[in-house]
Amino acid sequence: MVRRGKQKRFQVTQADLHPHLRARMYQRGVTREEIECTLNEGWEATDAKPGILGKVMVFPYKAEWENQFYQEKEVTVYYKVTDEGLILLTAKARYGQGFPRGQ
């Protein structure tokens, strides 16, 4: 995690991606860059459980996923921030179009 002024900016490295998370990212088509962008520019996930933080971001996709073409990809990242730093729990992706955008 990097601080710029009063705003926290997350910098996600390969070391932040534990093997279970990497497996889920591969399975769901989520990249490290998308996770970092979601953490820094996304809006709050309303379905995060108590004690867990979540962020959501919609990306233009315009490609095929599992033999079907999709316009957009919605990425949701669940995480915790401790005194030791960022703990990434999981990342989900939904493919489609017209996803709601948060504020």
PDB file of N, CA and C in Angstrom:
ATOM      1  N   MET A   1       0.856  -1.174   0.000  1.00  0.00           N
ATOM      2  CA  MET A   1       0.000   0.000   0.000  1.00  0.00           C
ATOM      3  C   MET A   1       0.894   1.226   0.000  1.00  0.00           C
ATOM      4  N   VAL A   2       0.579   2.206  -0.844  1.00  0.00           N
ATOM      5  CA  VAL A   2       1.345   3.425  -0.970  1.00  0.00           C
ATOM      6  C   VAL A   2       0.437   4.586  -0.595  1.00  0.00           C
ATOM      7  N   ARG A   3       0.945   5.532   0.141  1.00  0.00           N
ATOM      8  CA  ARG A   3       0.145   6.716   0.493  1.00  0.00           C
ATOM      9  C   ARG A   3       0.562   7.885  -0.386  1.00  0.00           C
ATOM     10  N   ARG A   4      -0.437   8.546  -0.957  1.00  0.00           N
ATOM     11  CA  ARG A   4      -0.222   9.778  -1.716  1.00  0.00           C
ATOM     12  C   ARG A   4      -1.088  10.838  -1.062  1.00  0.00           C
ATOM     13  N   GLY A   5      -0.455  11.742  -0.375  1.00  0.00           N
ATOM     14  CA  GLY A   5      -1.222  12.726   0.380  1.00  0.00           C
ATOM     15  C   GLY A   5      -2.033  12.003   1.435  1.00  0.00           C
ATOM     16  N   LYS A   6      -3.341  12.304   1.504  1.00  0.00           N
ATOM     17  CA  LYS A   6      -4.209  11.646   2.472  1.00  0.00           C
ATOM     18  C   LYS A   6      -4.858  10.395   1.894  1.00  0.00           C
ATOM     19  N   GLN A   7      -4.769  10.228   0.578  1.00  0.00           N
ATOM     20  CA  GLN A   7      -5.416   9.099  -0.082  1.00  0.00           C
ATOM     21  C   GLN A   7      -4.491   7.884  -0.108  1.00  0.00           C
ATOM     22  N   LYS A   8      -5.040   6.729   0.254  1.00  0.00           N
ATOM     23  CA  LYS A   8      -4.285   5.484   0.183  1.00  0.00           C
ATOM     24  C   LYS A   8      -4.386   4.942  -1.232  1.00  0.00           C
ATOM     25  N   ARG A   9      -3.273   4.548  -1.802  1.00  0.00           N
ATOM     26  CA  ARG A   9      -3.253   3.879  -3.097  1.00  0.00           C
ATOM     27  C   ARG A   9      -2.696   2.491  -2.875  1.00  0.00           C
ATOM     28  N   PHE A  10      -3.384   1.515  -3.398  1.00  0.00           N
ATOM     29  CA  PHE A  10      -2.924   0.147  -3.280  1.00  0.00           C
ATOM     30  C   PHE A  10      -2.042  -0.199  -4.462  1.00  0.00           C
ATOM     31  N   GLN A  11      -0.959  -0.847  -4.169  1.00  0.00           N
ATOM     32  CA  GLN A  11      -0.066  -1.363  -5.192  1.00  0.00           C
ATOM     33  C   GLN A  11      -0.010  -2.869  -4.969  1.00  0.00           C
ATOM     34  N   VAL A  12      -0.552  -3.635  -5.906  1.00  0.00           N
ATOM     35  CA  VAL A  12      -0.647  -5.079  -5.762  1.00  0.00           C
ATOM     36  C   VAL A  12       0.531  -5.728  -6.476  1.00  0.00           C
ATOM     37  N   THR A  13       1.283  -6.535  -5.742  1.00  0.00           N
ATOM     38  CA  THR A  13       2.421  -7.249  -6.315  1.00  0.00           C
ATOM     39  C   THR A  13       2.093  -8.744  -6.391  1.00  0.00           C
ATOM     40  N   GLN A  14       2.923  -9.491  -7.090  1.00  0.00           N
ATOM     41  CA  GLN A  14       2.735 -10.942  -7.168  1.00  0.00           C
ATOM     42  C   GLN A  14       2.766 -11.565  -5.772  1.00  0.00           C
ATOM     43  N   ALA A  15       3.557 -10.995  -4.870  1.00  0.00           N
ATOM     44  CA  ALA A  15       3.649 -11.522  -3.502  1.00  0.00           C
ATOM     45  C   ALA A  15       2.317 -11.398  -2.753  1.00  0.00           C
ATOM     46  N   ASP A  16       1.463 -10.450  -3.153  1.00  0.00           N
ATOM     47  CA  ASP A  16       0.155 -10.277  -2.520  1.00  0.00           C
ATOM     48  C   ASP A  16      -0.856 -11.342  -2.951  1.00  0.00           C
ATOM     49  N   LEU A  17      -0.531 -12.072  -4.016  1.00  0.00           N
ATOM     50  CA  LEU A  17      -1.456 -13.031  -4.607  1.00  0.00           C
ATOM     51  C   LEU A  17      -1.121 -14.445  -4.150  1.00  0.00           C
ATOM     52  N   HIS A  18      -1.760 -14.901  -3.072  1.00  0.00           N
ATOM     53  CA  HIS A  18      -1.478 -16.245  -2.568  1.00  0.00           C
ATOM     54  C   HIS A  18      -1.995 -17.284  -3.571  1.00  0.00           C
ATOM     55  N   PRO A  19      -1.520 -18.514  -3.512  1.00  0.00           N
ATOM     56  CA  PRO A  19      -1.861 -19.525  -4.517  1.00  0.00           C
ATOM     57  C   PRO A  19      -3.362 -19.745  -4.725  1.00  0.00           C
ATOM     58  N   HIS A  20      -4.149 -19.755  -3.657  1.00  0.00           N
ATOM     59  CA  HIS A  20      -5.594 -19.932  -3.808  1.00  0.00           C
ATOM     60  C   HIS A  20      -6.197 -18.774  -4.609  1.00  0.00           C
ATOM     61  N   LEU A  21      -5.779 -17.560  -4.310  1.00  0.00           N
ATOM     62  CA  LEU A  21      -6.281 -16.398  -5.034  1.00  0.00           C
ATOM     63  C   LEU A  21      -5.852 -16.451  -6.494  1.00  0.00           C
ATOM     64  N   ARG A  22      -4.610 -16.804  -6.768  1.00  0.00           N
ATOM     65  CA  ARG A  22      -4.144 -16.923  -8.162  1.00  0.00           C
ATOM     66  C   ARG A  22      -4.989 -17.931  -8.931  1.00  0.00           C
ATOM     67  N   ALA A  23      -5.314 -19.053  -8.298  1.00  0.00           N
ATOM     68  CA  ALA A  23      -6.138 -20.078  -8.950  1.00  0.00           C
ATOM     69  C   ALA A  23      -7.521 -19.523  -9.282  1.00  0.00           C
ATOM     70  N   ARG A  24      -8.111 -18.789  -8.350  1.00  0.00           N
ATOM     71  CA  ARG A  24      -9.428 -18.182  -8.596  1.00  0.00           C
ATOM     72  C   ARG A  24      -9.353 -17.114  -9.689  1.00  0.00           C
ATOM     73  N   MET A  25      -8.299 -16.326  -9.686  1.00  0.00           N
ATOM     74  CA  MET A  25      -8.125 -15.305 -10.722  1.00  0.00           C
ATOM     75  C   MET A  25      -8.078 -15.953 -12.100  1.00  0.00           C
ATOM     76  N   TYR A  26      -7.301 -17.013 -12.231  1.00  0.00           N
ATOM     77  CA  TYR A  26      -7.179 -17.717 -13.506  1.00  0.00           C
ATOM     78  C   TYR A  26      -8.533 -18.301 -13.912  1.00  0.00           C
ATOM     79  N   GLN A  27      -9.197 -18.945 -12.979  1.00  0.00           N
ATOM     80  CA  GLN A  27     -10.498 -19.572 -13.227  1.00  0.00           C
ATOM     81  C   GLN A  27     -11.540 -18.544 -13.668  1.00  0.00           C
ATOM     82  N   ARG A  28     -11.458 -17.333 -13.130  1.00  0.00           N
ATOM     83  CA  ARG A  28     -12.475 -16.304 -13.377  1.00  0.00           C
ATOM     84  C   ARG A  28     -12.041 -15.243 -14.389  1.00  0.00           C
ATOM     85  N   GLY A  29     -10.810 -15.320 -14.863  1.00  0.00           N
ATOM     86  CA  GLY A  29     -10.347 -14.379 -15.877  1.00  0.00           C
ATOM     87  C   GLY A  29     -10.014 -13.000 -15.352  1.00  0.00           C
ATOM     88  N   VAL A  30      -9.501 -12.909 -14.139  1.00  0.00           N
ATOM     89  CA  VAL A  30      -9.178 -11.627 -13.510  1.00  0.00           C
ATOM     90  C   VAL A  30      -7.658 -11.453 -13.475  1.00  0.00           C
ATOM     91  N   THR A  31      -7.179 -10.246 -13.816  1.00  0.00           N
ATOM     92  CA  THR A  31      -5.743  -9.974 -13.814  1.00  0.00           C
ATOM     93  C   THR A  31      -5.330  -9.188 -12.565  1.00  0.00           C
ATOM     94  N   ARG A  32      -4.038  -9.212 -12.285  1.00  0.00           N
ATOM     95  CA  ARG A  32      -3.484  -8.432 -11.170  1.00  0.00           C
ATOM     96  C   ARG A  32      -3.763  -6.947 -11.390  1.00  0.00           C
ATOM     97  N   GLU A  33      -3.630  -6.495 -12.628  1.00  0.00           N
ATOM     98  CA  GLU A  33      -3.871  -5.083 -12.948  1.00  0.00           C
ATOM     99  C   GLU A  33      -5.329  -4.697 -12.693  1.00  0.00           C
ATOM    100  N   GLU A  34      -6.260  -5.593 -13.022  1.00  0.00           N
ATOM    101  CA  GLU A  34      -7.674  -5.309 -12.752  1.00  0.00           C
ATOM    102  C   GLU A  34      -7.950  -5.236 -11.258  1.00  0.00           C
ATOM    103  N   ILE A  35      -7.303  -6.089 -10.489  1.00  0.00           N
ATOM    104  CA  ILE A  35      -7.466  -6.038  -9.030  1.00  0.00           C
ATOM    105  C   ILE A  35      -6.966  -4.703  -8.499  1.00  0.00           C
ATOM    106  N   GLU A  36      -5.790  -4.282  -8.932  1.00  0.00           N
ATOM    107  CA  GLU A  36      -5.222  -3.019  -8.467  1.00  0.00           C
ATOM    108  C   GLU A  36      -6.103  -1.842  -8.868  1.00  0.00           C
ATOM    109  N   CYS A  37      -6.569  -1.823 -10.090  1.00  0.00           N
ATOM    110  CA  CYS A  37      -7.448  -0.741 -10.556  1.00  0.00           C
ATOM    111  C   CYS A  37      -8.755  -0.735  -9.768  1.00  0.00           C
ATOM    112  N   THR A  38      -9.323  -1.902  -9.514  1.00  0.00           N
ATOM    113  CA  THR A  38     -10.569  -1.992  -8.757  1.00  0.00           C
ATOM    114  C   THR A  38     -10.381  -1.454  -7.340  1.00  0.00           C
ATOM    115  N   LEU A  39      -9.291  -1.826  -6.701  1.00  0.00           N
ATOM    116  CA  LEU A  39      -9.027  -1.341  -5.344  1.00  0.00           C
ATOM    117  C   LEU A  39      -8.883   0.179  -5.305  1.00  0.00           C
ATOM    118  N   ASN A  40      -8.250   0.757  -6.309  1.00  0.00           N
ATOM    119  CA  ASN A  40      -7.952   2.184  -6.298  1.00  0.00           C
ATOM    120  C   ASN A  40      -9.039   3.066  -6.895  1.00  0.00           C
ATOM    121  N   GLU A  41      -9.813   2.540  -7.836  1.00  0.00           N
ATOM    122  CA  GLU A  41     -10.782   3.379  -8.546  1.00  0.00           C
ATOM    123  C   GLU A  41     -12.218   2.889  -8.433  1.00  0.00           C
ATOM    124  N   GLY A  42     -12.400   1.700  -7.880  1.00  0.00           N
ATOM    125  CA  GLY A  42     -13.741   1.126  -7.803  1.00  0.00           C
ATOM    126  C   GLY A  42     -14.582   1.729  -6.701  1.00  0.00           C
ATOM    127  N   TRP A  43     -15.815   1.302  -6.649  1.00  0.00           N
ATOM    128  CA  TRP A  43     -16.747   1.757  -5.620  1.00  0.00           C
ATOM    129  C   TRP A  43     -16.994   0.624  -4.636  1.00  0.00           C
ATOM    130  N   GLU A  44     -17.569   0.958  -3.513  1.00  0.00           N
ATOM    131  CA  GLU A  44     -17.771  -0.001  -2.430  1.00  0.00           C
ATOM    132  C   GLU A  44     -18.725  -1.113  -2.853  1.00  0.00           C
ATOM    133  N   ALA A  45     -18.362  -2.346  -2.563  1.00  0.00           N
ATOM    134  CA  ALA A  45     -19.237  -3.493  -2.800  1.00  0.00           C
ATOM    135  C   ALA A  45     -20.262  -3.548  -1.665  1.00  0.00           C
ATOM    136  N   THR A  46     -21.516  -3.587  -2.007  1.00  0.00           N
ATOM    137  CA  THR A  46     -22.565  -3.574  -0.983  1.00  0.00           C
ATOM    138  C   THR A  46     -22.803  -4.954  -0.373  1.00  0.00           C
ATOM    139  N   ASP A  47     -22.210  -5.987  -0.973  1.00  0.00           N
ATOM    140  CA  ASP A  47     -22.442  -7.341  -0.465  1.00  0.00           C
ATOM    141  C   ASP A  47     -21.295  -7.877   0.386  1.00  0.00           C
ATOM    142  N   ALA A  48     -20.329  -7.020   0.745  1.00  0.00           N
ATOM    143  CA  ALA A  48     -19.211  -7.460   1.588  1.00  0.00           C
ATOM    144  C   ALA A  48     -19.730  -7.800   2.982  1.00  0.00           C
ATOM    145  N   LYS A  49     -19.209  -8.872   3.532  1.00  0.00           N
ATOM    146  CA  LYS A  49     -19.618  -9.309   4.868  1.00  0.00           C
ATOM    147  C   LYS A  49     -18.996  -8.408   5.934  1.00  0.00           C
ATOM    148  N   PRO A  50     -19.563  -8.371   7.128  1.00  0.00           N
ATOM    149  CA  PRO A  50     -18.996  -7.545   8.198  1.00  0.00           C
ATOM    150  C   PRO A  50     -17.519  -7.890   8.438  1.00  0.00           C
ATOM    151  N   GLY A  51     -16.697  -6.863   8.557  1.00  0.00           N
ATOM    152  CA  GLY A  51     -15.274  -7.045   8.794  1.00  0.00           C
ATOM    153  C   GLY A  51     -14.457  -7.224   7.532  1.00  0.00           C
ATOM    154  N   ILE A  52     -15.128  -7.303   6.383  1.00  0.00           N
ATOM    155  CA  ILE A  52     -14.448  -7.463   5.100  1.00  0.00           C
ATOM    156  C   ILE A  52     -14.807  -6.278   4.221  1.00  0.00           C
ATOM    157  N   LEU A  53     -13.826  -5.762   3.502  1.00  0.00           N
ATOM    158  CA  LEU A  53     -14.039  -4.663   2.570  1.00  0.00           C
ATOM    159  C   LEU A  53     -14.188  -5.231   1.170  1.00  0.00           C
ATOM    160  N   GLY A  54     -14.911  -4.518   0.331  1.00  0.00           N
ATOM    161  CA  GLY A  54     -15.070  -4.939  -1.058  1.00  0.00           C
ATOM    162  C   GLY A  54     -15.141  -3.746  -1.974  1.00  0.00           C
ATOM    163  N   LYS A  55     -14.596  -3.907  -3.170  1.00  0.00           N
ATOM    164  CA  LYS A  55     -14.656  -2.871  -4.196  1.00  0.00           C
ATOM    165  C   LYS A  55     -15.084  -3.508  -5.508  1.00  0.00           C
ATOM    166  N   VAL A  56     -15.782  -2.723  -6.336  1.00  0.00           N
ATOM    167  CA  VAL A  56     -16.303  -3.187  -7.622  1.00  0.00           C
ATOM    168  C   VAL A  56     -15.872  -2.209  -8.709  1.00  0.00           C
ATOM    169  N   MET A  57     -15.578  -2.737  -9.899  1.00  0.00           N
ATOM    170  CA  MET A  57     -15.230  -1.903 -11.048  1.00  0.00           C
ATOM    171  C   MET A  57     -15.727  -2.607 -12.304  1.00  0.00           C
ATOM    172  N   VAL A  58     -16.249  -1.838 -13.246  1.00  0.00           N
ATOM    173  CA  VAL A  58     -16.680  -2.384 -14.533  1.00  0.00           C
ATOM    174  C   VAL A  58     -15.667  -1.963 -15.582  1.00  0.00           C
ATOM    175  N   PHE A  59     -15.188  -2.952 -16.331  1.00  0.00           N
ATOM    176  CA  PHE A  59     -14.192  -2.729 -17.382  1.00  0.00           C
ATOM    177  C   PHE A  59     -14.809  -3.017 -18.744  1.00  0.00           C
ATOM    178  N   PRO A  60     -14.432  -2.240 -19.779  1.00  0.00           N
ATOM    179  CA  PRO A  60     -14.816  -2.649 -21.131  1.00  0.00           C
ATOM    180  C   PRO A  60     -14.123  -3.977 -21.430  1.00  0.00           C
ATOM    181  N   TYR A  61     -14.797  -4.903 -22.052  1.00  0.00           N
ATOM    182  CA  TYR A  61     -14.204  -6.212 -22.316  1.00  0.00           C
ATOM    183  C   TYR A  61     -14.150  -6.494 -23.814  1.00  0.00           C
ATOM    184  N   LYS A  62     -15.279  -6.487 -24.471  1.00  0.00           N
ATOM    185  CA  LYS A  62     -15.390  -6.666 -25.924  1.00  0.00           C
ATOM    186  C   LYS A  62     -14.548  -7.835 -26.424  1.00  0.00           C
ATOM    187  N   ALA A  63     -14.788  -8.989 -25.811  1.00  0.00           N
ATOM    188  CA  ALA A  63     -14.051 -10.202 -26.175  1.00  0.00           C
ATOM    189  C   ALA A  63     -14.879 -11.415 -25.775  1.00  0.00           C
ATOM    190  N   GLU A  64     -14.375 -12.581 -26.146  1.00  0.00           N
ATOM    191  CA  GLU A  64     -15.047 -13.817 -25.779  1.00  0.00           C
ATOM    192  C   GLU A  64     -14.536 -14.343 -24.446  1.00  0.00           C
ATOM    193  N   TRP A  65     -15.459 -14.898 -23.689  1.00  0.00           N
ATOM    194  CA  TRP A  65     -15.132 -15.624 -22.461  1.00  0.00           C
ATOM    195  C   TRP A  65     -15.969 -16.894 -22.506  1.00  0.00           C
ATOM    196  N   GLU A  66     -15.298 -18.023 -22.436  1.00  0.00           N
ATOM    197  CA  GLU A  66     -15.956 -19.328 -22.501  1.00  0.00           C
ATOM    198  C   GLU A  66     -16.914 -19.415 -23.687  1.00  0.00           C
ATOM    199  N   ASN A  67     -16.383 -19.054 -24.854  1.00  0.00           N
ATOM    200  CA  ASN A  67     -17.072 -19.168 -26.154  1.00  0.00           C
ATOM    201  C   ASN A  67     -18.287 -18.261 -26.320  1.00  0.00           C
ATOM    202  N   GLN A  68     -18.348 -17.185 -25.535  1.00  0.00           N
ATOM    203  CA  GLN A  68     -19.430 -16.215 -25.714  1.00  0.00           C
ATOM    204  C   GLN A  68     -18.843 -14.813 -25.666  1.00  0.00           C
ATOM    205  N   PHE A  69     -19.347 -13.930 -26.526  1.00  0.00           N
ATOM    206  CA  PHE A  69     -18.847 -12.553 -26.604  1.00  0.00           C
ATOM    207  C   PHE A  69     -19.540 -11.689 -25.552  1.00  0.00           C
ATOM    208  N   TYR A  70     -18.730 -10.860 -24.863  1.00  0.00           N
ATOM    209  CA  TYR A  70     -19.257  -9.965 -23.834  1.00  0.00           C
ATOM    210  C   TYR A  70     -18.700  -8.559 -24.032  1.00  0.00           C
ATOM    211  N   GLN A  71     -19.522  -7.575 -23.761  1.00  0.00           N
ATOM    212  CA  GLN A  71     -19.120  -6.171 -23.866  1.00  0.00           C
ATOM    213  C   GLN A  71     -18.319  -5.700 -22.656  1.00  0.00           C
ATOM    214  N   GLU A  72     -18.689  -6.194 -21.463  1.00  0.00           N
ATOM    215  CA  GLU A  72     -18.089  -5.691 -20.225  1.00  0.00           C
ATOM    216  C   GLU A  72     -17.732  -6.827 -19.274  1.00  0.00           C
ATOM    217  N   LYS A  73     -16.864  -6.481 -18.331  1.00  0.00           N
ATOM    218  CA  LYS A  73     -16.522  -7.396 -17.243  1.00  0.00           C
ATOM    219  C   LYS A  73     -16.590  -6.604 -15.945  1.00  0.00           C
ATOM    220  N   GLU A  74     -17.352  -7.128 -14.982  1.00  0.00           N
ATOM    221  CA  GLU A  74     -17.444  -6.525 -13.655  1.00  0.00           C
ATOM    222  C   GLU A  74     -16.534  -7.320 -12.717  1.00  0.00           C
ATOM    223  N   VAL A  75     -15.580  -6.647 -12.101  1.00  0.00           N
ATOM    224  CA  VAL A  75     -14.651  -7.288 -11.181  1.00  0.00           C
ATOM    225  C   VAL A  75     -14.962  -6.805  -9.765  1.00  0.00           C
ATOM    226  N   THR A  76     -15.070  -7.756  -8.834  1.00  0.00           N
ATOM    227  CA  THR A  76     -15.270  -7.450  -7.422  1.00  0.00           C
ATOM    228  C   THR A  76     -14.118  -8.060  -6.637  1.00  0.00           C
ATOM    229  N   VAL A  77     -13.515  -7.263  -5.769  1.00  0.00           N
ATOM    230  CA  VAL A  77     -12.387  -7.705  -4.958  1.00  0.00           C
ATOM    231  C   VAL A  77     -12.771  -7.564  -3.492  1.00  0.00           C
ATOM    232  N   TYR A  78     -12.551  -8.639  -2.730  1.00  0.00           N
ATOM    233  CA  TYR A  78     -12.798  -8.619  -1.291  1.00  0.00           C
ATOM    234  C   TYR A  78     -11.455  -8.687  -0.583  1.00  0.00           C
ATOM    235  N   TYR A  79     -11.308  -7.876   0.493  1.00  0.00           N
ATOM    236  CA  TYR A  79      -9.996  -7.750   1.128  1.00  0.00           C
ATOM    237  C   TYR A  79     -10.130  -7.225   2.549  1.00  0.00           C
ATOM    238  N   LYS A  80      -9.005  -7.257   3.248  1.00  0.00           N
ATOM    239  CA  LYS A  80      -8.882  -6.648   4.574  1.00  0.00           C
ATOM    240  C   LYS A  80      -7.621  -5.793   4.569  1.00  0.00           C
ATOM    241  N   VAL A  81      -7.606  -4.772   5.409  1.00  0.00           N
ATOM    242  CA  VAL A  81      -6.405  -3.980   5.619  1.00  0.00           C
ATOM    243  C   VAL A  81      -6.059  -4.099   7.097  1.00  0.00           C
ATOM    244  N   THR A  82      -4.854  -4.568   7.376  1.00  0.00           N
ATOM    245  CA  THR A  82      -4.397  -4.740   8.751  1.00  0.00           C
ATOM    246  C   THR A  82      -3.192  -3.838   8.982  1.00  0.00           C
ATOM    247  N   ASP A  83      -2.659  -3.862  10.196  1.00  0.00           N
ATOM    248  CA  ASP A  83      -1.437  -3.100  10.479  1.00  0.00           C
ATOM    249  C   ASP A  83      -0.286  -3.571   9.602  1.00  0.00           C
ATOM    250  N   GLU A  84      -0.319  -4.849   9.206  1.00  0.00           N
ATOM    251  CA  GLU A  84       0.738  -5.400   8.356  1.00  0.00           C
ATOM    252  C   GLU A  84       0.541  -5.057   6.885  1.00  0.00           C
ATOM    253  N   GLY A  85      -0.660  -4.633   6.505  1.00  0.00           N
ATOM    254  CA  GLY A  85      -0.911  -4.254   5.118  1.00  0.00           C
ATOM    255  C   GLY A  85      -2.157  -4.883   4.541  1.00  0.00           C
ATOM    256  N   LEU A  86      -2.177  -4.995   3.229  1.00  0.00           N
ATOM    257  CA  LEU A  86      -3.310  -5.472   2.456  1.00  0.00           C
ATOM    258  C   LEU A  86      -3.361  -6.999   2.454  1.00  0.00           C
ATOM    259  N   ILE A  87      -4.550  -7.553   2.701  1.00  0.00           N
ATOM    260  CA  ILE A  87      -4.769  -8.992   2.583  1.00  0.00           C
ATOM    261  C   ILE A  87      -5.895  -9.192   1.576  1.00  0.00           C
ATOM    262  N   LEU A  88      -5.549  -9.719   0.411  1.00  0.00           N
ATOM    263  CA  LEU A  88      -6.544  -9.989  -0.625  1.00  0.00           C
ATOM    264  C   LEU A  88      -7.193 -11.329  -0.332  1.00  0.00           C
ATOM    265  N   LEU A  89      -8.526 -11.354  -0.294  1.00  0.00           N
ATOM    266  CA  LEU A  89      -9.247 -12.575   0.028  1.00  0.00           C
ATOM    267  C   LEU A  89      -9.686 -13.317  -1.227  1.00  0.00           C
ATOM    268  N   THR A  90     -10.377 -12.628  -2.125  1.00  0.00           N
ATOM    269  CA  THR A  90     -10.775 -13.245  -3.388  1.00  0.00           C
ATOM    270  C   THR A  90     -11.172 -12.168  -4.382  1.00  0.00           C
ATOM    271  N   ALA A  91     -11.310 -12.586  -5.632  1.00  0.00           N
ATOM    272  CA  ALA A  91     -11.753 -11.697  -6.707  1.00  0.00           C
ATOM    273  C   ALA A  91     -12.759 -12.467  -7.553  1.00  0.00           C
ATOM    274  N   LYS A  92     -13.847 -11.788  -7.913  1.00  0.00           N
ATOM    275  CA  LYS A  92     -14.890 -12.398  -8.737  1.00  0.00           C
ATOM    276  C   LYS A  92     -15.026 -11.595 -10.020  1.00  0.00           C
ATOM    277  N   ALA A  93     -15.526 -12.252 -11.058  1.00  0.00           N
ATOM    278  CA  ALA A  93     -15.811 -11.554 -12.314  1.00  0.00           C
ATOM    279  C   ALA A  93     -17.178 -11.995 -12.817  1.00  0.00           C
ATOM    280  N   ARG A  94     -17.902 -11.034 -13.368  1.00  0.00           N
ATOM    281  CA  ARG A  94     -19.149 -11.312 -14.082  1.00  0.00           C
ATOM    282  C   ARG A  94     -18.997 -10.695 -15.458  1.00  0.00           C
ATOM    283  N   TYR A  95     -19.470 -11.413 -16.449  1.00  0.00           N
ATOM    284  CA  TYR A  95     -19.363 -10.954 -17.822  1.00  0.00           C
ATOM    285  C   TYR A  95     -20.752 -10.631 -18.346  1.00  0.00           C
ATOM    286  N   GLY A  96     -20.880  -9.524 -19.094  1.00  0.00           N
ATOM    287  CA  GLY A  96     -22.167  -9.130 -19.639  1.00  0.00           C
ATOM    288  C   GLY A  96     -22.092  -7.714 -20.163  1.00  0.00           C
ATOM    289  N   GLN A  97     -23.171  -6.964 -19.933  1.00  0.00           N
ATOM    290  CA  GLN A  97     -23.179  -5.543 -20.273  1.00  0.00           C
ATOM    291  C   GLN A  97     -24.258  -4.842 -19.480  1.00  0.00           C
ATOM    292  N   GLY A  98     -24.105  -3.527 -19.370  1.00  0.00           N
ATOM    293  CA  GLY A  98     -25.087  -2.730 -18.648  1.00  0.00           C
ATOM    294  C   GLY A  98     -25.018  -2.882 -17.141  1.00  0.00           C
ATOM    295  N   PHE A  99     -23.844  -3.257 -16.624  1.00  0.00           N
ATOM    296  CA  PHE A  99     -23.700  -3.380 -15.173  1.00  0.00           C
ATOM    297  C   PHE A  99     -23.893  -2.011 -14.505  1.00  0.00           C
ATOM    298  N   PRO A 100     -24.528  -1.970 -13.337  1.00  0.00           N
ATOM    299  CA  PRO A 100     -24.671  -0.698 -12.634  1.00  0.00           C
ATOM    300  C   PRO A 100     -23.305  -0.173 -12.195  1.00  0.00           C
ATOM    301  N   ARG A 101     -23.171   1.118 -12.223  1.00  0.00           N
ATOM    302  CA  ARG A 101     -21.944   1.777 -11.772  1.00  0.00           C
ATOM    303  C   ARG A 101     -22.217   2.444 -10.440  1.00  0.00           C
ATOM    304  N   GLY A 102     -21.305   2.269  -9.502  1.00  0.00           N
ATOM    305  CA  GLY A 102     -21.439   2.903  -8.192  1.00  0.00           C
ATOM    306  C   GLY A 102     -20.942   4.332  -8.230  1.00  0.00           C
ATOM    307  N   GLN A 103     -21.144   5.004  -7.151  1.00  0.00           N
ATOM    308  CA  GLN A 103     -20.717   6.413  -7.077  1.00  0.00           C
ATOM    309  C   GLN A 103     -19.557   6.563  -6.144  1.00  0.00           C
TER     310      GLN A 103
END
